[in-house]
């Protein structure tokens, strides 16, 4: 690989992250066209890197190609988001159970610290901080469980439903509801109780599904009669 190829590869990786973050934040909305020339100017990147980044994001399920119209942000319906959560329920339950079997004393201390920080974030009304800790907890559970295949599956699923997750994270009162669910996962894993850990993870994802439906219903305009 030449130096030029390596630079282009690094630029593409950085660009994928930048466009993904823009989709997560809502800067690019569902069904919005992603024009290569515009992205190239916005992110100061080559057209070749933009093309490669859009291909990668298409593989992740965040972008879709429309014949004769180029690329656009893929709109994930509520039904699809629910299906994704149902799959996550099974896979994250497995990861939690494996984590409970393999967790070390050092990792127990780490998870308890995350739980403590989550309590503090909710108490202080730090929604963004809580959301970041939420992601950190789920990631560490997967890592502790040493489930590489499951991690790959979950990363892709979470990327596809990221817009729904962002709306859910910002929903009033959601952190207070999900906090005890996360603490139950932590407690079960730290107690090496694989069955309880899997059950707690599944309970949490069922709650996520219910909340997704609630948020969607709240954001749907009611027609006057």
C-alpha atoms as a PDB file:
ATOM      1  CA  UNK A   1       0.000   0.000   0.000  1.00  0.00           C
ATOM      2  CA  UNK A   2       1.359   3.415  -0.966  1.00  0.00           C
ATOM      3  CA  UNK A   3       1.454   6.452   1.317  1.00  0.00           C
ATOM      4  CA  UNK A   4      -1.291   8.013  -0.803  1.00  0.00           C
ATOM      5  CA  UNK A   5      -3.513   4.961  -0.401  1.00  0.00           C
ATOM      6  CA  UNK A   6      -2.981   4.994   3.359  1.00  0.00           C
ATOM      7  CA  UNK A   7      -3.902   8.671   3.545  1.00  0.00           C
ATOM      8  CA  UNK A   8      -7.060   8.096   1.522  1.00  0.00           C
ATOM      9  CA  UNK A   9      -7.971   5.183   3.789  1.00  0.00           C
ATOM     10  CA  UNK A  10      -7.537   7.315   6.907  1.00  0.00           C
ATOM     11  CA  UNK A  11      -9.582  10.112   5.329  1.00  0.00           C
ATOM     12  CA  UNK A  12     -12.388   7.687   4.518  1.00  0.00           C
ATOM     13  CA  UNK A  13     -12.483   6.301   8.083  1.00  0.00           C
ATOM     14  CA  UNK A  14     -12.628   9.838   9.486  1.00  0.00           C
ATOM     15  CA  UNK A  15     -15.304  10.833   6.985  1.00  0.00           C
ATOM     16  CA  UNK A  16     -17.465   7.800   7.795  1.00  0.00           C
ATOM     17  CA  UNK A  17     -17.386   8.813  11.468  1.00  0.00           C
ATOM     18  CA  UNK A  18     -18.190  12.455  10.664  1.00  0.00           C
ATOM     19  CA  UNK A  19     -21.184  11.651   8.434  1.00  0.00           C
ATOM     20  CA  UNK A  20     -22.421   9.027  10.903  1.00  0.00           C
ATOM     21  CA  UNK A  21     -22.260  11.573  13.731  1.00  0.00           C
ATOM     22  CA  UNK A  22     -24.179  14.085  11.602  1.00  0.00           C
ATOM     23  CA  UNK A  23     -26.932  11.527  11.049  1.00  0.00           C
ATOM     24  CA  UNK A  24     -27.040  10.710  14.774  1.00  0.00           C
ATOM     25  CA  UNK A  25     -27.327  14.381  15.732  1.00  0.00           C
ATOM     26  CA  UNK A  26     -30.042  14.975  13.157  1.00  0.00           C
ATOM     27  CA  UNK A  27     -27.975  17.316  10.978  1.00  0.00           C
ATOM     28  CA  UNK A  28     -28.864  14.955   8.127  1.00  0.00           C
ATOM     29  CA  UNK A  29     -32.479  13.841   8.418  1.00  0.00           C
ATOM     30  CA  UNK A  30     -34.150  10.653   7.126  1.00  0.00           C
ATOM     31  CA  UNK A  31     -34.604  10.634   3.327  1.00  0.00           C
ATOM     32  CA  UNK A  32     -32.275  13.627   2.878  1.00  0.00           C
ATOM     33  CA  UNK A  33     -30.134  13.372  -0.254  1.00  0.00           C
ATOM     34  CA  UNK A  34     -26.398  13.118   0.340  1.00  0.00           C
ATOM     35  CA  UNK A  35     -24.726  14.838  -2.604  1.00  0.00           C
ATOM     36  CA  UNK A  36     -21.078  13.898  -3.072  1.00  0.00           C
ATOM     37  CA  UNK A  37     -19.996  17.390  -4.131  1.00  0.00           C
ATOM     38  CA  UNK A  38     -21.695  18.981  -1.120  1.00  0.00           C
ATOM     39  CA  UNK A  39     -20.200  16.478   1.326  1.00  0.00           C
ATOM     40  CA  UNK A  40     -16.786  16.930  -0.230  1.00  0.00           C
ATOM     41  CA  UNK A  41     -16.976  20.694   0.350  1.00  0.00           C
ATOM     42  CA  UNK A  42     -18.524  20.413   3.818  1.00  0.00           C
ATOM     43  CA  UNK A  43     -15.938  17.991   5.170  1.00  0.00           C
ATOM     44  CA  UNK A  44     -12.976  19.119   3.033  1.00  0.00           C
ATOM     45  CA  UNK A  45     -12.577  15.614   1.628  1.00  0.00           C
ATOM     46  CA  UNK A  46     -11.939  14.181  -1.813  1.00  0.00           C
ATOM     47  CA  UNK A  47     -14.844  12.916  -3.915  1.00  0.00           C
ATOM     48  CA  UNK A  48     -13.264   9.442  -3.881  1.00  0.00           C
ATOM     49  CA  UNK A  49     -13.261   9.396  -0.056  1.00  0.00           C
ATOM     50  CA  UNK A  50     -16.860  10.625   0.045  1.00  0.00           C
ATOM     51  CA  UNK A  51     -17.877   7.862  -2.357  1.00  0.00           C
ATOM     52  CA  UNK A  52     -16.087   5.233  -0.256  1.00  0.00           C
ATOM     53  CA  UNK A  53     -17.609   6.610   2.978  1.00  0.00           C
ATOM     54  CA  UNK A  54     -21.131   6.488   1.558  1.00  0.00           C
ATOM     55  CA  UNK A  55     -20.544   2.889   0.481  1.00  0.00           C
ATOM     56  CA  UNK A  56     -19.448   1.961   4.007  1.00  0.00           C
ATOM     57  CA  UNK A  57     -22.462   3.725   5.530  1.00  0.00           C
ATOM     58  CA  UNK A  58     -24.699   1.906   3.053  1.00  0.00           C
ATOM     59  CA  UNK A  59     -23.250  -1.376   4.318  1.00  0.00           C
ATOM     60  CA  UNK A  60     -24.008  -0.225   7.874  1.00  0.00           C
ATOM     61  CA  UNK A  61     -27.633   0.452   6.940  1.00  0.00           C
ATOM     62  CA  UNK A  62     -27.490   4.201   7.613  1.00  0.00           C
ATOM     63  CA  UNK A  63     -27.488   5.246   3.957  1.00  0.00           C
ATOM     64  CA  UNK A  64     -29.296   3.836   0.942  1.00  0.00           C
ATOM     65  CA  UNK A  65     -28.714   4.168  -2.788  1.00  0.00           C
ATOM     66  CA  UNK A  66     -31.681   5.162  -4.920  1.00  0.00           C
ATOM     67  CA  UNK A  67     -31.502   4.432  -8.644  1.00  0.00           C
ATOM     68  CA  UNK A  68     -30.810   7.586 -10.662  1.00  0.00           C
ATOM     69  CA  UNK A  69     -31.005   9.731  -7.506  1.00  0.00           C
ATOM     70  CA  UNK A  70     -27.793   8.904  -5.655  1.00  0.00           C
ATOM     71  CA  UNK A  71     -27.501   8.382  -1.901  1.00  0.00           C
ATOM     72  CA  UNK A  72     -29.807   9.453   0.899  1.00  0.00           C
ATOM     73  CA  UNK A  73     -30.183   8.915   4.637  1.00  0.00           C
ATOM     74  CA  UNK A  74     -32.129   5.711   5.145  1.00  0.00           C
ATOM     75  CA  UNK A  75     -35.382   6.146   7.052  1.00  0.00           C
ATOM     76  CA  UNK A  76     -35.900   3.350   9.598  1.00  0.00           C
ATOM     77  CA  UNK A  77     -39.552   2.849  10.455  1.00  0.00           C
ATOM     78  CA  UNK A  78     -40.827   2.257  13.979  1.00  0.00           C
ATOM     79  CA  UNK A  79     -41.673  -1.338  13.086  1.00  0.00           C
ATOM     80  CA  UNK A  80     -38.118  -1.956  11.905  1.00  0.00           C
ATOM     81  CA  UNK A  81     -36.682  -0.269  15.005  1.00  0.00           C
ATOM     82  CA  UNK A  82     -38.815  -2.587  17.151  1.00  0.00           C
ATOM     83  CA  UNK A  83     -37.586  -5.629  15.206  1.00  0.00           C
ATOM     84  CA  UNK A  84     -34.007  -4.490  15.762  1.00  0.00           C
ATOM     85  CA  UNK A  85     -34.655  -4.221  19.504  1.00  0.00           C
ATOM     86  CA  UNK A  86     -36.181  -7.701  19.532  1.00  0.00           C
ATOM     87  CA  UNK A  87     -33.001  -9.130  18.020  1.00  0.00           C
ATOM     88  CA  UNK A  88     -30.891  -7.045  20.409  1.00  0.00           C
ATOM     89  CA  UNK A  89     -32.938  -8.466  23.282  1.00  0.00           C
ATOM     90  CA  UNK A  90     -31.712 -11.973  22.510  1.00  0.00           C
ATOM     91  CA  UNK A  91     -28.108 -11.070  21.688  1.00  0.00           C
ATOM     92  CA  UNK A  92     -27.579  -8.615  24.551  1.00  0.00           C
ATOM     93  CA  UNK A  93     -29.113 -11.136  26.922  1.00  0.00           C
ATOM     94  CA  UNK A  94     -26.472 -13.628  25.793  1.00  0.00           C
ATOM     95  CA  UNK A  95     -23.698 -11.050  26.273  1.00  0.00           C
ATOM     96  CA  UNK A  96     -24.902 -10.221  29.786  1.00  0.00           C
ATOM     97  CA  UNK A  97     -25.004 -13.903  30.735  1.00  0.00           C
ATOM     98  CA  UNK A  98     -21.483 -14.484  29.409  1.00  0.00           C
ATOM     99  CA  UNK A  99     -20.245 -11.371  31.208  1.00  0.00           C
ATOM    100  CA  UNK A 100     -21.656 -12.712  34.486  1.00  0.00           C
ATOM    101  CA  UNK A 101     -19.732 -15.946  33.968  1.00  0.00           C
ATOM    102  CA  UNK A 102     -16.407 -14.268  33.117  1.00  0.00           C
ATOM    103  CA  UNK A 103     -16.271 -10.985  35.011  1.00  0.00           C
ATOM    104  CA  UNK A 104     -13.192 -10.360  37.179  1.00  0.00           C
ATOM    105  CA  UNK A 105     -12.911  -8.494  40.458  1.00  0.00           C
ATOM    106  CA  UNK A 106     -11.364  -5.515  38.646  1.00  0.00           C
ATOM    107  CA  UNK A 107     -14.203  -5.463  36.111  1.00  0.00           C
ATOM    108  CA  UNK A 108     -16.800  -5.700  38.888  1.00  0.00           C
ATOM    109  CA  UNK A 109     -15.346  -2.541  40.378  1.00  0.00           C
ATOM    110  CA  UNK A 110     -15.449  -0.864  36.943  1.00  0.00           C
ATOM    111  CA  UNK A 111     -19.118  -1.709  36.307  1.00  0.00           C
ATOM    112  CA  UNK A 112     -20.104  -0.507  39.762  1.00  0.00           C
ATOM    113  CA  UNK A 113     -18.319   2.789  39.065  1.00  0.00           C
ATOM    114  CA  UNK A 114     -20.277   3.148  35.813  1.00  0.00           C
ATOM    115  CA  UNK A 115     -23.479   2.516  37.761  1.00  0.00           C
ATOM    116  CA  UNK A 116     -22.493   5.152  40.306  1.00  0.00           C
ATOM    117  CA  UNK A 117     -21.804   7.665  37.525  1.00  0.00           C
ATOM    118  CA  UNK A 118     -25.162   6.843  35.919  1.00  0.00           C
ATOM    119  CA  UNK A 119     -26.956   7.572  39.200  1.00  0.00           C
ATOM    120  CA  UNK A 120     -25.130  10.893  39.470  1.00  0.00           C
ATOM    121  CA  UNK A 121     -25.951  11.847  35.857  1.00  0.00           C
ATOM    122  CA  UNK A 122     -29.664  11.181  36.392  1.00  0.00           C
ATOM    123  CA  UNK A 123     -29.637  13.071  39.690  1.00  0.00           C
ATOM    124  CA  UNK A 124     -28.014  16.069  37.976  1.00  0.00           C
ATOM    125  CA  UNK A 125     -30.304  15.934  34.937  1.00  0.00           C
ATOM    126  CA  UNK A 126     -27.308  15.296  32.674  1.00  0.00           C
ATOM    127  CA  UNK A 127     -29.143  13.588  29.811  1.00  0.00           C
ATOM    128  CA  UNK A 128     -26.221  13.542  27.360  1.00  0.00           C
ATOM    129  CA  UNK A 129     -23.810  12.307  30.017  1.00  0.00           C
ATOM    130  CA  UNK A 130     -26.225   9.541  30.970  1.00  0.00           C
ATOM    131  CA  UNK A 131     -26.628   8.569  27.318  1.00  0.00           C
ATOM    132  CA  UNK A 132     -22.839   8.258  26.925  1.00  0.00           C
ATOM    133  CA  UNK A 133     -22.599   6.158  30.087  1.00  0.00           C
ATOM    134  CA  UNK A 134     -25.434   3.979  28.766  1.00  0.00           C
ATOM    135  CA  UNK A 135     -23.432   3.248  25.624  1.00  0.00           C
ATOM    136  CA  UNK A 136     -20.279   2.679  27.671  1.00  0.00           C
ATOM    137  CA  UNK A 137     -22.054   0.141  29.891  1.00  0.00           C
ATOM    138  CA  UNK A 138     -23.452  -1.869  26.991  1.00  0.00           C
ATOM    139  CA  UNK A 139     -20.046  -1.850  25.287  1.00  0.00           C
ATOM    140  CA  UNK A 140     -18.219  -3.028  28.410  1.00  0.00           C
ATOM    141  CA  UNK A 141     -20.725  -5.820  29.011  1.00  0.00           C
ATOM    142  CA  UNK A 142     -20.058  -7.103  25.483  1.00  0.00           C
ATOM    143  CA  UNK A 143     -16.299  -6.817  25.984  1.00  0.00           C
ATOM    144  CA  UNK A 144     -16.346  -8.549  29.368  1.00  0.00           C
ATOM    145  CA  UNK A 145     -18.429 -11.354  27.881  1.00  0.00           C
ATOM    146  CA  UNK A 146     -15.828 -11.698  25.078  1.00  0.00           C
ATOM    147  CA  UNK A 147     -18.525 -12.010  22.436  1.00  0.00           C
ATOM    148  CA  UNK A 148     -16.869 -10.652  19.286  1.00  0.00           C
ATOM    149  CA  UNK A 149     -19.471 -11.975  16.849  1.00  0.00           C
ATOM    150  CA  UNK A 150     -22.301 -10.614  18.971  1.00  0.00           C
ATOM    151  CA  UNK A 151     -20.513  -7.264  19.164  1.00  0.00           C
ATOM    152  CA  UNK A 152     -20.327  -7.028  15.377  1.00  0.00           C
ATOM    153  CA  UNK A 153     -24.024  -7.858  15.081  1.00  0.00           C
ATOM    154  CA  UNK A 154     -25.027  -5.347  17.755  1.00  0.00           C
ATOM    155  CA  UNK A 155     -22.871  -2.532  16.350  1.00  0.00           C
ATOM    156  CA  UNK A 156     -24.620  -2.846  13.014  1.00  0.00           C
ATOM    157  CA  UNK A 157     -28.105  -3.089  14.537  1.00  0.00           C
ATOM    158  CA  UNK A 158     -27.539  -0.078  16.782  1.00  0.00           C
ATOM    159  CA  UNK A 159     -26.219   1.964  13.859  1.00  0.00           C
ATOM    160  CA  UNK A 160     -29.352   1.278  11.841  1.00  0.00           C
ATOM    161  CA  UNK A 161     -31.693   2.453  14.607  1.00  0.00           C
ATOM    162  CA  UNK A 162     -29.487   5.274  15.860  1.00  0.00           C
ATOM    163  CA  UNK A 163     -31.997   8.045  15.105  1.00  0.00           C
ATOM    164  CA  UNK A 164     -34.696   6.287  17.170  1.00  0.00           C
ATOM    165  CA  UNK A 165     -32.182   5.780  19.990  1.00  0.00           C
ATOM    166  CA  UNK A 166     -31.274   9.471  19.958  1.00  0.00           C
ATOM    167  CA  UNK A 167     -34.939  10.506  20.174  1.00  0.00           C
ATOM    168  CA  UNK A 168     -35.462   8.032  22.990  1.00  0.00           C
ATOM    169  CA  UNK A 169     -32.434   9.311  24.928  1.00  0.00           C
ATOM    170  CA  UNK A 170     -33.826  12.850  24.762  1.00  0.00           C
ATOM    171  CA  UNK A 171     -37.342  11.816  25.812  1.00  0.00           C
ATOM    172  CA  UNK A 172     -38.315  13.441  29.154  1.00  0.00           C
ATOM    173  CA  UNK A 173     -38.129  11.021  32.059  1.00  0.00           C
ATOM    174  CA  UNK A 174     -36.495   8.205  30.115  1.00  0.00           C
ATOM    175  CA  UNK A 175     -33.213   8.177  32.123  1.00  0.00           C
ATOM    176  CA  UNK A 176     -35.121   7.775  35.401  1.00  0.00           C
ATOM    177  CA  UNK A 177     -36.966   4.793  33.917  1.00  0.00           C
ATOM    178  CA  UNK A 178     -33.952   3.063  32.421  1.00  0.00           C
ATOM    179  CA  UNK A 179     -31.553   3.675  35.339  1.00  0.00           C
ATOM    180  CA  UNK A 180     -32.917   0.896  37.605  1.00  0.00           C
ATOM    181  CA  UNK A 181     -32.961  -1.439  34.577  1.00  0.00           C
ATOM    182  CA  UNK A 182     -29.262  -0.798  33.945  1.00  0.00           C
ATOM    183  CA  UNK A 183     -28.437  -1.129  37.638  1.00  0.00           C
ATOM    184  CA  UNK A 184     -30.206  -4.505  37.689  1.00  0.00           C
ATOM    185  CA  UNK A 185     -27.991  -5.675  34.801  1.00  0.00           C
ATOM    186  CA  UNK A 186     -24.877  -4.487  36.647  1.00  0.00           C
ATOM    187  CA  UNK A 187     -25.907  -6.140  39.930  1.00  0.00           C
ATOM    188  CA  UNK A 188     -26.656  -9.500  38.296  1.00  0.00           C
ATOM    189  CA  UNK A 189     -23.382  -9.537  36.353  1.00  0.00           C
ATOM    190  CA  UNK A 190     -21.365  -8.534  39.429  1.00  0.00           C
ATOM    191  CA  UNK A 191     -23.019 -11.366  41.375  1.00  0.00           C
ATOM    192  CA  UNK A 192     -22.004 -13.863  38.657  1.00  0.00           C
ATOM    193  CA  UNK A 193     -25.686 -14.705  38.156  1.00  0.00           C
ATOM    194  CA  UNK A 194     -25.886 -15.475  34.443  1.00  0.00           C
ATOM    195  CA  UNK A 195     -29.623 -16.225  34.399  1.00  0.00           C
ATOM    196  CA  UNK A 196     -30.511 -13.027  36.249  1.00  0.00           C
ATOM    197  CA  UNK A 197     -28.181 -10.999  34.004  1.00  0.00           C
ATOM    198  CA  UNK A 198     -29.805 -12.326  30.843  1.00  0.00           C
ATOM    199  CA  UNK A 199     -33.261 -11.737  32.308  1.00  0.00           C
ATOM    200  CA  UNK A 200     -32.351  -8.153  33.298  1.00  0.00           C
ATOM    201  CA  UNK A 201     -30.972  -7.393  29.826  1.00  0.00           C
ATOM    202  CA  UNK A 202     -34.119  -8.715  28.170  1.00  0.00           C
ATOM    203  CA  UNK A 203     -36.320  -6.739  30.572  1.00  0.00           C
ATOM    204  CA  UNK A 204     -34.420  -3.579  29.667  1.00  0.00           C
ATOM    205  CA  UNK A 205     -34.873  -4.118  25.930  1.00  0.00           C
ATOM    206  CA  UNK A 206     -38.595  -4.777  26.388  1.00  0.00           C
ATOM    207  CA  UNK A 207     -38.752  -1.427  28.146  1.00  0.00           C
ATOM    208  CA  UNK A 208     -36.899   0.189  25.227  1.00  0.00           C
ATOM    209  CA  UNK A 209     -39.468  -1.214  22.789  1.00  0.00           C
ATOM    210  CA  UNK A 210     -42.355   0.142  24.859  1.00  0.00           C
ATOM    211  CA  UNK A 211     -40.643   3.537  25.112  1.00  0.00           C
ATOM    212  CA  UNK A 212     -39.984   3.665  21.358  1.00  0.00           C
ATOM    213  CA  UNK A 213     -43.687   3.173  20.698  1.00  0.00           C
ATOM    214  CA  UNK A 214     -44.561   5.807  23.288  1.00  0.00           C
ATOM    215  CA  UNK A 215     -42.159   8.363  21.783  1.00  0.00           C
ATOM    216  CA  UNK A 216     -43.409   7.653  18.275  1.00  0.00           C
ATOM    217  CA  UNK A 217     -47.024   8.079  19.364  1.00  0.00           C
ATOM    218  CA  UNK A 218     -46.203  11.336  21.163  1.00  0.00           C
ATOM    219  CA  UNK A 219     -44.510  12.750  18.067  1.00  0.00           C
ATOM    220  CA  UNK A 220     -47.337  11.795  15.691  1.00  0.00           C
ATOM    221  CA  UNK A 221     -49.676  14.752  15.144  1.00  0.00           C
ATOM    222  CA  UNK A 222     -53.281  14.132  16.102  1.00  0.00           C
ATOM    223  CA  UNK A 223     -55.701  15.129  13.339  1.00  0.00           C
ATOM    224  CA  UNK A 224     -58.571  17.382  14.304  1.00  0.00           C
ATOM    225  CA  UNK A 225     -61.982  15.770  14.133  1.00  0.00           C
END
